[in-house]
Amino acid sequence: MVYFSKGDRTMEGLIPLAAIVFIFGPALFIPITAMVLKHRKEMLQMELERRRLSNQEVIAQIEAIRQELAQLRDTSTQYDMSLQANLEMLQERVRLLEQQLEEQTRVRAF
């Protein structure tokens, strides 16, 4: 046994502990490292899966917006065509009224 100063008995307990660490440490280091790396790999895979699902949700939402936009375009085109048809009908009516007014003015003038 190694003797240190009279009041220093803490070193006596550290020597067997150091021996155990030096003997069994490398043997424990490899499995512990493997477990940590496996855990890290699993966590990264879970994160990638979460991101993939999130990306799929975003893509689905974008596709839904595209469909809504296409429907809105169709609706606005239909309204535009309807307004155009109504405008043409009104123009024709005004033209007919103006023509009738001209005819009535000609008849009164004679």
Protein backbone atom coordinates (compact mmCIF):
# COMPACT_ATOMS: atom_id res chain seq x y z
CA MET A 1 0.00 0.00 0.00
CA VAL A 2 1.18 3.49 -0.74
CA TYR A 3 1.49 5.74 2.24
CA PHE A 4 0.90 9.40 1.99
CA SER A 5 1.00 11.98 4.68
CA LYS A 6 -0.83 11.01 7.86
CA GLY A 7 -3.94 13.10 7.22
CA ASP A 8 -4.28 12.23 3.51
CA ARG A 9 -6.28 9.00 3.22
CA THR A 10 -8.32 10.13 0.16
CA MET A 11 -5.64 8.99 -2.26
CA GLU A 12 -5.87 5.44 -0.95
CA GLY A 13 -9.48 5.16 -2.23
CA LEU A 14 -8.66 6.69 -5.57
CA ILE A 15 -5.99 4.17 -6.54
CA PRO A 16 -8.34 1.16 -6.72
CA LEU A 17 -10.93 3.31 -8.48
CA ALA A 18 -8.35 4.43 -11.03
CA ALA A 19 -7.31 0.81 -11.57
CA ILE A 20 -10.93 -0.21 -12.18
CA VAL A 21 -11.44 2.67 -14.60
CA PHE A 22 -8.26 1.84 -16.52
CA ILE A 23 -9.12 -1.86 -16.71
CA PHE A 24 -12.85 -1.71 -17.44
CA GLY A 25 -13.12 1.79 -18.91
CA PRO A 26 -12.15 0.95 -22.49
CA ALA A 27 -14.39 -2.11 -22.43
CA LEU A 28 -17.37 0.04 -21.33
CA PHE A 29 -16.52 2.94 -23.61
CA ILE A 30 -17.29 1.09 -26.85
CA PRO A 31 -20.82 -0.12 -25.93
CA ILE A 32 -21.73 3.20 -24.33
CA THR A 33 -20.52 5.04 -27.43
CA ALA A 34 -22.50 2.65 -29.63
CA MET A 35 -25.66 3.23 -27.58
CA VAL A 36 -25.24 7.00 -27.76
CA LEU A 37 -24.66 6.90 -31.51
CA LYS A 38 -27.65 4.59 -32.04
CA HIS A 39 -29.84 6.93 -30.00
CA ARG A 40 -28.60 9.92 -31.96
CA LYS A 41 -29.29 8.13 -35.25
CA GLU A 42 -32.83 7.29 -34.14
CA MET A 43 -33.46 10.88 -33.10
CA LEU A 44 -32.23 12.16 -36.47
CA GLN A 45 -34.43 9.65 -38.29
CA MET A 46 -37.43 10.79 -36.25
CA GLU A 47 -36.63 14.42 -37.07
CA LEU A 48 -36.33 13.64 -40.78
CA GLU A 49 -39.64 11.78 -40.71
CA ARG A 50 -41.30 14.71 -38.95
CA ARG A 51 -39.93 17.11 -41.55
CA ARG A 52 -41.04 14.84 -44.40
CA LEU A 53 -44.58 14.71 -43.00
CA SER A 54 -44.54 18.46 -42.47
CA ASN A 55 -43.38 18.98 -46.06
CA GLN A 56 -46.17 16.73 -47.33
CA GLU A 57 -48.71 18.78 -45.39
CA VAL A 58 -47.34 22.01 -46.87
CA ILE A 59 -47.45 20.51 -50.37
CA ALA A 60 -51.06 19.40 -49.82
CA GLN A 61 -52.00 22.88 -48.62
CA ILE A 62 -50.33 24.48 -51.64
CA GLU A 63 -52.21 22.11 -53.95
CA ALA A 64 -55.50 23.01 -52.21
CA ILE A 65 -54.75 26.71 -52.69
CA ARG A 66 -54.00 26.10 -56.37
CA GLN A 67 -57.35 24.35 -56.80
CA GLU A 68 -59.17 27.18 -55.03
CA LEU A 69 -57.38 29.70 -57.22
CA ALA A 70 -58.39 27.79 -60.36
CA GLN A 71 -62.01 27.76 -59.16
CA LEU A 72 -61.82 31.47 -58.46
CA ARG A 73 -60.47 32.10 -61.96
CA ASP A 74 -63.30 30.08 -63.47
CA THR A 75 -65.89 31.93 -61.41
CA SER A 76 -64.45 35.34 -62.23
CA THR A 77 -64.29 34.42 -65.93
CA GLN A 78 -67.93 33.36 -65.85
CA TYR A 79 -68.93 36.63 -64.15
CA ASP A 80 -66.86 38.59 -66.64
CA MET A 81 -68.53 36.85 -69.57
CA SER A 82 -71.95 37.40 -68.00
CA LEU A 83 -71.24 41.10 -67.48
CA GLN A 84 -69.94 41.37 -71.02
CA ALA A 85 -73.12 39.73 -72.39
CA ASN A 86 -75.32 42.06 -70.29
CA LEU A 87 -73.33 45.08 -71.45
CA GLU A 88 -73.75 44.05 -75.09
CA MET A 89 -77.50 43.54 -74.55
CA LEU A 90 -77.78 47.00 -72.96
CA GLN A 91 -75.82 48.57 -75.80
CA GLU A 92 -78.12 46.92 -78.31
CA ARG A 93 -81.19 48.16 -76.43
CA VAL A 94 -79.78 51.70 -76.29
CA ARG A 95 -78.99 51.52 -80.02
CA LEU A 96 -82.57 50.38 -80.75
CA LEU A 97 -84.01 53.13 -78.54
CA GLU A 98 -81.84 55.73 -80.25
CA GLN A 99 -82.93 54.40 -83.63
CA GLN A 100 -86.61 54.57 -82.59
CA LEU A 101 -86.10 58.09 -81.30
CA GLU A 102 -84.53 59.13 -84.61
CA GLU A 103 -87.44 57.62 -86.54
CA GLN A 104 -89.95 59.41 -84.34
CA THR A 105 -88.06 62.65 -84.81
CA ARG A 106 -88.10 62.18 -88.60
CA VAL A 107 -91.83 61.42 -88.58
CA ARG A 108 -92.57 64.56 -86.57
CA ALA A 109 -90.35 66.63 -88.82
CA PHE A 110 -92.43 65.75 -91.96
